[in-house]
N, C-alpha and C. Protein backbone atom coordinates (compact mmCIF):
# COMPACT_ATOMS: atom_id res chain seq x y z
N MET A 1 0.81 -1.19 -0.11
CA MET A 1 0.02 0.17 0.17
C MET A 1 0.91 1.07 0.06
N ALA A 2 1.95 1.33 0.76
CA ALA A 2 2.79 2.41 0.76
C ALA A 2 3.46 2.75 -0.65
N ASN A 3 3.66 1.65 -1.36
CA ASN A 3 4.19 1.87 -2.75
C ASN A 3 3.39 2.56 -3.59
N ARG A 4 2.03 2.13 -3.54
CA ARG A 4 1.01 2.98 -4.35
C ARG A 4 0.99 4.36 -3.81
N ASP A 5 0.89 4.74 -2.59
CA ASP A 5 0.97 6.11 -2.21
C ASP A 5 2.03 6.91 -2.56
N SER A 6 3.31 6.21 -2.50
CA SER A 6 4.46 7.18 -3.17
C SER A 6 4.41 7.17 -4.63
N ASN A 7 4.01 6.13 -5.21
CA ASN A 7 3.56 6.52 -6.77
C ASN A 7 2.74 7.76 -6.89
N LYS A 8 1.59 7.62 -6.23
CA LYS A 8 0.76 8.72 -6.39
C LYS A 8 1.41 10.11 -6.14
N ASP A 9 2.16 10.21 -4.96
CA ASP A 9 2.73 11.36 -4.72
C ASP A 9 3.75 11.81 -5.88
N PHE A 10 4.46 10.79 -6.37
CA PHE A 10 5.44 10.99 -7.41
C PHE A 10 4.66 11.52 -8.63
N PHE A 11 3.45 10.78 -9.04
CA PHE A 11 2.79 11.31 -10.13
C PHE A 11 2.24 12.56 -9.96
N SER A 12 1.80 13.15 -8.63
CA SER A 12 1.59 14.48 -8.46
C SER A 12 2.62 15.47 -8.70
N ASP A 13 3.73 15.06 -8.21
CA ASP A 13 4.85 15.95 -8.47
C ASP A 13 5.27 16.11 -10.02
N VAL A 14 5.14 14.98 -10.73
CA VAL A 14 5.41 14.98 -12.06
C VAL A 14 4.44 15.88 -12.84
N TYR A 15 3.22 15.94 -12.48
CA TYR A 15 2.19 16.69 -13.05
C TYR A 15 2.53 18.25 -12.90
N ALA A 16 2.89 18.58 -11.61
CA ALA A 16 3.15 19.90 -11.22
C ALA A 16 4.40 20.43 -12.06
N VAL A 17 5.37 19.57 -12.26
CA VAL A 17 6.50 19.97 -12.95
C VAL A 17 5.82 20.24 -14.66
N VAL A 18 5.23 19.11 -15.13
CA VAL A 18 4.68 19.29 -16.55
C VAL A 18 3.86 20.66 -16.65
N ARG A 19 2.90 21.00 -15.68
CA ARG A 19 2.29 22.07 -15.86
C ARG A 19 3.20 23.40 -16.05
N LEU A 20 4.38 23.40 -15.54
CA LEU A 20 5.30 24.43 -15.73
C LEU A 20 6.09 24.73 -17.18
N ILE A 21 6.00 23.47 -17.81
CA ILE A 21 6.56 23.62 -19.21
C ILE A 21 5.99 24.73 -20.08
N PRO A 22 6.45 25.73 -20.47
CA PRO A 22 5.78 26.97 -21.36
C PRO A 22 5.46 26.23 -22.79
N PRO A 23 4.40 26.88 -23.23
CA PRO A 23 3.82 26.38 -24.57
C PRO A 23 4.96 26.77 -25.56
N GLY A 24 5.25 25.90 -26.54
CA GLY A 24 6.31 25.90 -27.56
C GLY A 24 7.54 25.41 -27.01
N ARG A 25 7.56 24.72 -25.86
CA ARG A 25 8.78 24.13 -25.48
C ARG A 25 8.31 22.76 -24.85
N VAL A 26 9.44 21.72 -24.91
CA VAL A 26 9.17 20.50 -24.40
C VAL A 26 10.13 20.05 -23.47
N SER A 27 9.83 18.89 -22.64
CA SER A 27 10.85 18.43 -21.77
C SER A 27 10.78 16.95 -21.95
N SER A 28 11.81 16.16 -21.31
CA SER A 28 11.68 14.54 -21.50
C SER A 28 11.57 14.09 -20.30
N TYR A 29 11.18 12.73 -20.48
CA TYR A 29 10.77 12.04 -19.30
C TYR A 29 11.94 11.94 -18.27
N GLY A 30 13.17 11.77 -18.65
CA GLY A 30 14.41 11.78 -17.97
C GLY A 30 14.81 13.01 -17.25
N ALA A 31 14.57 14.05 -17.94
CA ALA A 31 14.84 15.37 -17.30
C ALA A 31 13.97 15.67 -16.32
N ILE A 32 12.65 15.25 -16.30
CA ILE A 32 11.49 15.38 -15.18
C ILE A 32 12.02 14.57 -14.15
N GLY A 33 12.33 13.35 -14.32
CA GLY A 33 12.86 12.40 -13.27
C GLY A 33 14.05 12.83 -12.68
N ARG A 34 15.09 13.36 -13.47
CA ARG A 34 16.08 13.88 -12.63
C ARG A 34 15.91 15.09 -11.77
N TYR A 35 14.98 15.94 -12.30
CA TYR A 35 14.51 17.18 -11.40
C TYR A 35 13.94 16.67 -10.20
N LEU A 36 13.17 15.54 -10.31
CA LEU A 36 12.41 15.15 -9.09
C LEU A 36 13.37 14.30 -8.26
N GLY A 37 14.53 14.22 -8.50
CA GLY A 37 15.62 13.46 -7.60
C GLY A 37 15.90 12.00 -8.09
N SER A 38 15.45 11.46 -9.22
CA SER A 38 15.77 10.09 -9.51
C SER A 38 16.36 10.02 -10.88
N ARG A 39 17.57 9.94 -11.06
CA ARG A 39 18.03 9.67 -12.28
C ARG A 39 17.53 8.54 -13.23
N THR A 40 16.87 7.67 -12.47
CA THR A 40 16.27 6.20 -13.30
C THR A 40 14.89 6.40 -13.46
N ALA A 41 14.21 7.48 -13.06
CA ALA A 41 12.69 7.59 -13.00
C ALA A 41 12.01 7.78 -14.41
N ALA A 42 12.74 7.94 -15.55
CA ALA A 42 12.19 8.27 -16.82
C ALA A 42 10.97 7.28 -17.08
N ARG A 43 10.91 6.09 -16.87
CA ARG A 43 9.94 5.17 -16.92
C ARG A 43 8.73 5.42 -16.15
N MET A 44 9.00 5.87 -14.87
CA MET A 44 7.76 6.24 -14.04
C MET A 44 7.18 7.47 -14.54
N VAL A 45 7.87 8.47 -14.90
CA VAL A 45 7.38 9.63 -15.58
C VAL A 45 6.64 9.39 -16.94
N GLY A 46 6.86 8.28 -17.53
CA GLY A 46 6.09 7.99 -18.76
C GLY A 46 4.81 7.37 -18.28
N TRP A 47 4.96 6.60 -17.13
CA TRP A 47 3.61 5.99 -16.47
C TRP A 47 2.80 7.20 -16.00
N ALA A 48 3.29 8.34 -15.48
CA ALA A 48 2.54 9.31 -15.10
C ALA A 48 1.82 10.11 -16.38
N MET A 49 2.65 10.15 -17.30
CA MET A 49 2.21 10.66 -18.20
C MET A 49 0.93 9.97 -19.15
N ASN A 50 1.10 8.55 -19.14
CA ASN A 50 0.07 7.67 -19.63
C ASN A 50 -1.22 8.00 -18.98
N ASN A 51 -1.25 8.45 -17.59
CA ASN A 51 -2.43 8.66 -16.91
C ASN A 51 -2.73 10.18 -16.83
N ALA A 52 -2.14 10.85 -17.71
CA ALA A 52 -2.36 12.36 -17.57
C ALA A 52 -3.19 12.92 -18.86
N HIS A 53 -3.24 11.97 -19.99
CA HIS A 53 -3.91 12.45 -21.04
C HIS A 53 -5.44 12.85 -20.78
N ALA A 54 -6.11 12.60 -19.77
CA ALA A 54 -7.42 12.83 -19.72
C ALA A 54 -7.52 14.20 -18.69
N MET A 55 -6.38 14.66 -18.42
CA MET A 55 -6.21 15.59 -17.52
C MET A 55 -6.03 17.01 -18.29
N PRO A 56 -6.92 17.80 -18.53
CA PRO A 56 -6.86 18.89 -19.29
C PRO A 56 -5.82 20.06 -18.84
N ASP A 57 -5.67 19.98 -17.60
CA ASP A 57 -4.55 20.90 -16.92
C ASP A 57 -3.12 20.57 -17.01
N VAL A 58 -2.97 19.43 -17.45
CA VAL A 58 -1.66 18.87 -17.63
C VAL A 58 -1.07 18.74 -19.12
N PRO A 59 -0.34 19.59 -19.53
CA PRO A 59 -0.04 19.52 -21.13
C PRO A 59 0.95 18.46 -21.41
N ALA A 60 0.39 17.01 -21.20
CA ALA A 60 1.27 15.90 -21.39
C ALA A 60 1.89 15.90 -22.89
N HIS A 61 1.36 16.64 -23.90
CA HIS A 61 1.94 16.59 -25.21
C HIS A 61 3.32 17.35 -25.24
N ARG A 62 3.67 17.95 -24.17
CA ARG A 62 5.09 18.71 -24.25
C ARG A 62 6.04 17.96 -23.68
N VAL A 63 5.76 16.49 -23.25
CA VAL A 63 6.89 15.60 -22.83
C VAL A 63 6.98 14.44 -23.83
N VAL A 64 8.33 14.46 -24.15
CA VAL A 64 9.01 13.68 -25.38
C VAL A 64 10.25 12.79 -24.76
N ASN A 65 10.65 11.91 -25.61
CA ASN A 65 11.91 11.29 -24.97
C ASN A 65 13.28 12.21 -25.29
N ARG A 66 14.18 11.70 -24.81
CA ARG A 66 15.40 12.49 -24.79
C ARG A 66 15.86 12.84 -26.01
N ALA A 67 15.63 12.22 -27.10
CA ALA A 67 16.10 12.61 -28.51
C ALA A 67 15.07 13.39 -29.19
N GLY A 68 14.06 13.67 -28.41
CA GLY A 68 12.85 14.68 -29.18
C GLY A 68 11.99 13.89 -29.98
N VAL A 69 11.66 12.64 -29.70
CA VAL A 69 10.84 11.78 -30.58
C VAL A 69 9.54 11.66 -29.68
N LEU A 70 8.44 11.81 -30.53
CA LEU A 70 7.07 11.74 -29.92
C LEU A 70 6.66 10.17 -29.51
N THR A 71 7.39 9.71 -28.57
CA THR A 71 7.14 8.46 -28.20
C THR A 71 5.72 8.19 -27.48
N GLY A 72 5.18 9.08 -26.94
CA GLY A 72 3.76 9.04 -26.24
C GLY A 72 2.62 9.32 -27.15
N LYS A 73 2.86 9.47 -28.44
CA LYS A 73 1.76 9.82 -29.32
C LYS A 73 0.59 8.76 -29.35
N HIS A 74 0.78 7.63 -28.99
CA HIS A 74 -0.36 6.63 -29.17
C HIS A 74 -1.23 6.81 -27.87
N CYS A 75 -1.09 7.59 -26.91
CA CYS A 75 -1.83 7.90 -25.79
C CYS A 75 -2.83 8.92 -26.02
N PHE A 76 -2.76 9.66 -27.15
CA PHE A 76 -3.56 10.83 -27.51
C PHE A 76 -4.91 10.73 -28.27
N GLY A 77 -5.25 9.37 -28.50
CA GLY A 77 -6.47 9.17 -29.15
C GLY A 77 -6.30 9.14 -30.63
N GLY A 78 -5.19 9.38 -31.26
CA GLY A 78 -5.06 9.45 -32.52
C GLY A 78 -3.55 9.63 -32.68
N PRO A 79 -2.90 9.04 -34.07
CA PRO A 79 -1.52 9.21 -34.15
C PRO A 79 -1.05 10.48 -34.48
N LEU A 80 -1.82 11.54 -34.73
CA LEU A 80 -1.45 12.91 -35.03
C LEU A 80 -1.57 13.80 -34.07
N VAL A 81 -2.28 13.55 -33.00
CA VAL A 81 -2.90 14.35 -32.04
C VAL A 81 -1.73 15.21 -31.31
N MET A 82 -0.79 14.53 -30.86
CA MET A 82 0.18 15.01 -30.03
C MET A 82 1.00 15.97 -31.08
N GLN A 83 1.25 15.52 -32.22
CA GLN A 83 2.19 16.42 -33.13
C GLN A 83 1.34 17.60 -33.42
N SER A 84 -0.23 17.53 -33.71
CA SER A 84 -0.76 18.72 -33.85
C SER A 84 -0.66 19.82 -32.88
N LEU A 85 -0.88 19.19 -31.53
CA LEU A 85 -0.81 20.03 -30.29
C LEU A 85 0.46 20.76 -30.21
N LEU A 86 1.51 20.08 -30.42
CA LEU A 86 2.72 20.84 -30.42
C LEU A 86 2.88 21.82 -31.67
N GLU A 87 2.68 21.50 -32.84
CA GLU A 87 2.73 22.38 -33.92
C GLU A 87 1.91 23.70 -33.81
N ALA A 88 0.56 23.48 -33.04
CA ALA A 88 -0.13 24.65 -32.80
C ALA A 88 0.65 25.65 -32.00
N GLU A 89 1.77 25.16 -31.30
CA GLU A 89 2.60 25.90 -30.32
C GLU A 89 3.68 26.35 -31.21
N GLY A 90 3.74 25.90 -32.23
CA GLY A 90 5.07 26.52 -32.91
C GLY A 90 6.34 25.52 -33.01
N VAL A 91 6.05 24.30 -32.39
CA VAL A 91 7.18 23.41 -32.57
C VAL A 91 7.21 22.59 -33.91
N ILE A 92 8.27 22.57 -34.47
CA ILE A 92 8.38 21.88 -35.91
C ILE A 92 8.68 20.43 -35.76
N ILE A 93 7.89 19.50 -36.31
CA ILE A 93 8.10 18.07 -36.23
C ILE A 93 8.08 17.38 -37.71
N GLU A 94 9.09 16.58 -37.64
CA GLU A 94 9.38 15.85 -39.06
C GLU A 94 9.49 14.41 -38.58
N ASN A 95 8.58 13.43 -39.16
CA ASN A 95 9.06 12.11 -38.96
C ASN A 95 8.78 11.72 -37.31
N ASP A 96 7.93 12.23 -36.74
CA ASP A 96 7.74 11.96 -35.33
C ASP A 96 8.91 12.28 -34.41
N ARG A 97 9.71 13.27 -34.88
CA ARG A 97 10.87 13.90 -34.17
C ARG A 97 10.89 15.42 -34.30
N ILE A 98 11.18 16.12 -33.19
CA ILE A 98 11.16 17.50 -32.91
C ILE A 98 12.42 17.92 -33.74
N ILE A 99 12.26 18.91 -34.60
CA ILE A 99 13.20 19.68 -35.41
C ILE A 99 13.92 20.70 -34.44
N ASP A 100 15.22 20.79 -34.28
CA ASP A 100 15.65 21.84 -33.46
C ASP A 100 15.46 21.61 -32.09
N PHE A 101 15.41 20.29 -31.53
CA PHE A 101 15.19 19.85 -30.29
C PHE A 101 15.78 20.49 -29.08
N GLU A 102 17.19 20.86 -29.26
CA GLU A 102 18.00 21.59 -28.21
C GLU A 102 17.46 23.10 -28.08
N ARG A 103 16.87 23.75 -28.98
CA ARG A 103 16.19 24.98 -28.87
C ARG A 103 14.94 25.12 -28.10
N VAL A 104 14.15 24.01 -28.31
CA VAL A 104 12.65 24.07 -27.66
C VAL A 104 12.95 23.11 -26.34
N ASN A 105 14.01 22.44 -26.08
CA ASN A 105 14.02 21.67 -24.84
C ASN A 105 13.92 22.54 -23.57
N TRP A 106 13.10 22.28 -22.72
CA TRP A 106 12.99 22.81 -21.41
C TRP A 106 13.43 21.91 -20.29
N ASP A 107 14.55 21.99 -19.65
CA ASP A 107 14.98 21.09 -18.68
C ASP A 107 14.67 21.74 -17.27
N PRO A 108 13.88 21.11 -16.64
CA PRO A 108 13.58 21.70 -15.37
C PRO A 108 14.72 22.16 -14.48
N THR A 109 15.69 21.20 -14.25
CA THR A 109 16.83 21.45 -13.55
C THR A 109 17.56 22.84 -13.75
N ASP A 110 17.38 23.19 -15.19
CA ASP A 110 18.06 24.45 -15.49
C ASP A 110 17.15 25.61 -15.30
N GLU A 111 15.92 25.33 -15.50
CA GLU A 111 14.63 26.31 -15.59
C GLU A 111 14.12 26.68 -14.31
N LEU A 112 14.22 25.92 -13.41
CA LEU A 112 13.45 26.07 -12.06
C LEU A 112 14.46 26.09 -10.94
N PRO A 113 14.02 26.79 -9.60
CA PRO A 113 14.95 26.98 -8.69
C PRO A 113 14.97 25.39 -7.89
């Protein structure tokens, strides 16, 4: 039971960080996990994002893998929904990969106190 509670707290922390990603920027599962104190939490951040797609206040479409690939696109109800949401914010995508990823990458460790 304690593990479920700690996962719930971790997921809440993930959602709080994701809410801070500015429009037109993206972050990675690993960067969010590192910011929250776990270098190996990328998979847990991914599970949190899988649960976030029905949460309108969590911009889950702004979380991608460390290479800028739209790995979570299958969770958005259609293969182009995640891409469309990002493109509406000015992010350029080609073949499921963000062009100029370094420019739009938002690392919470660098951006937040």
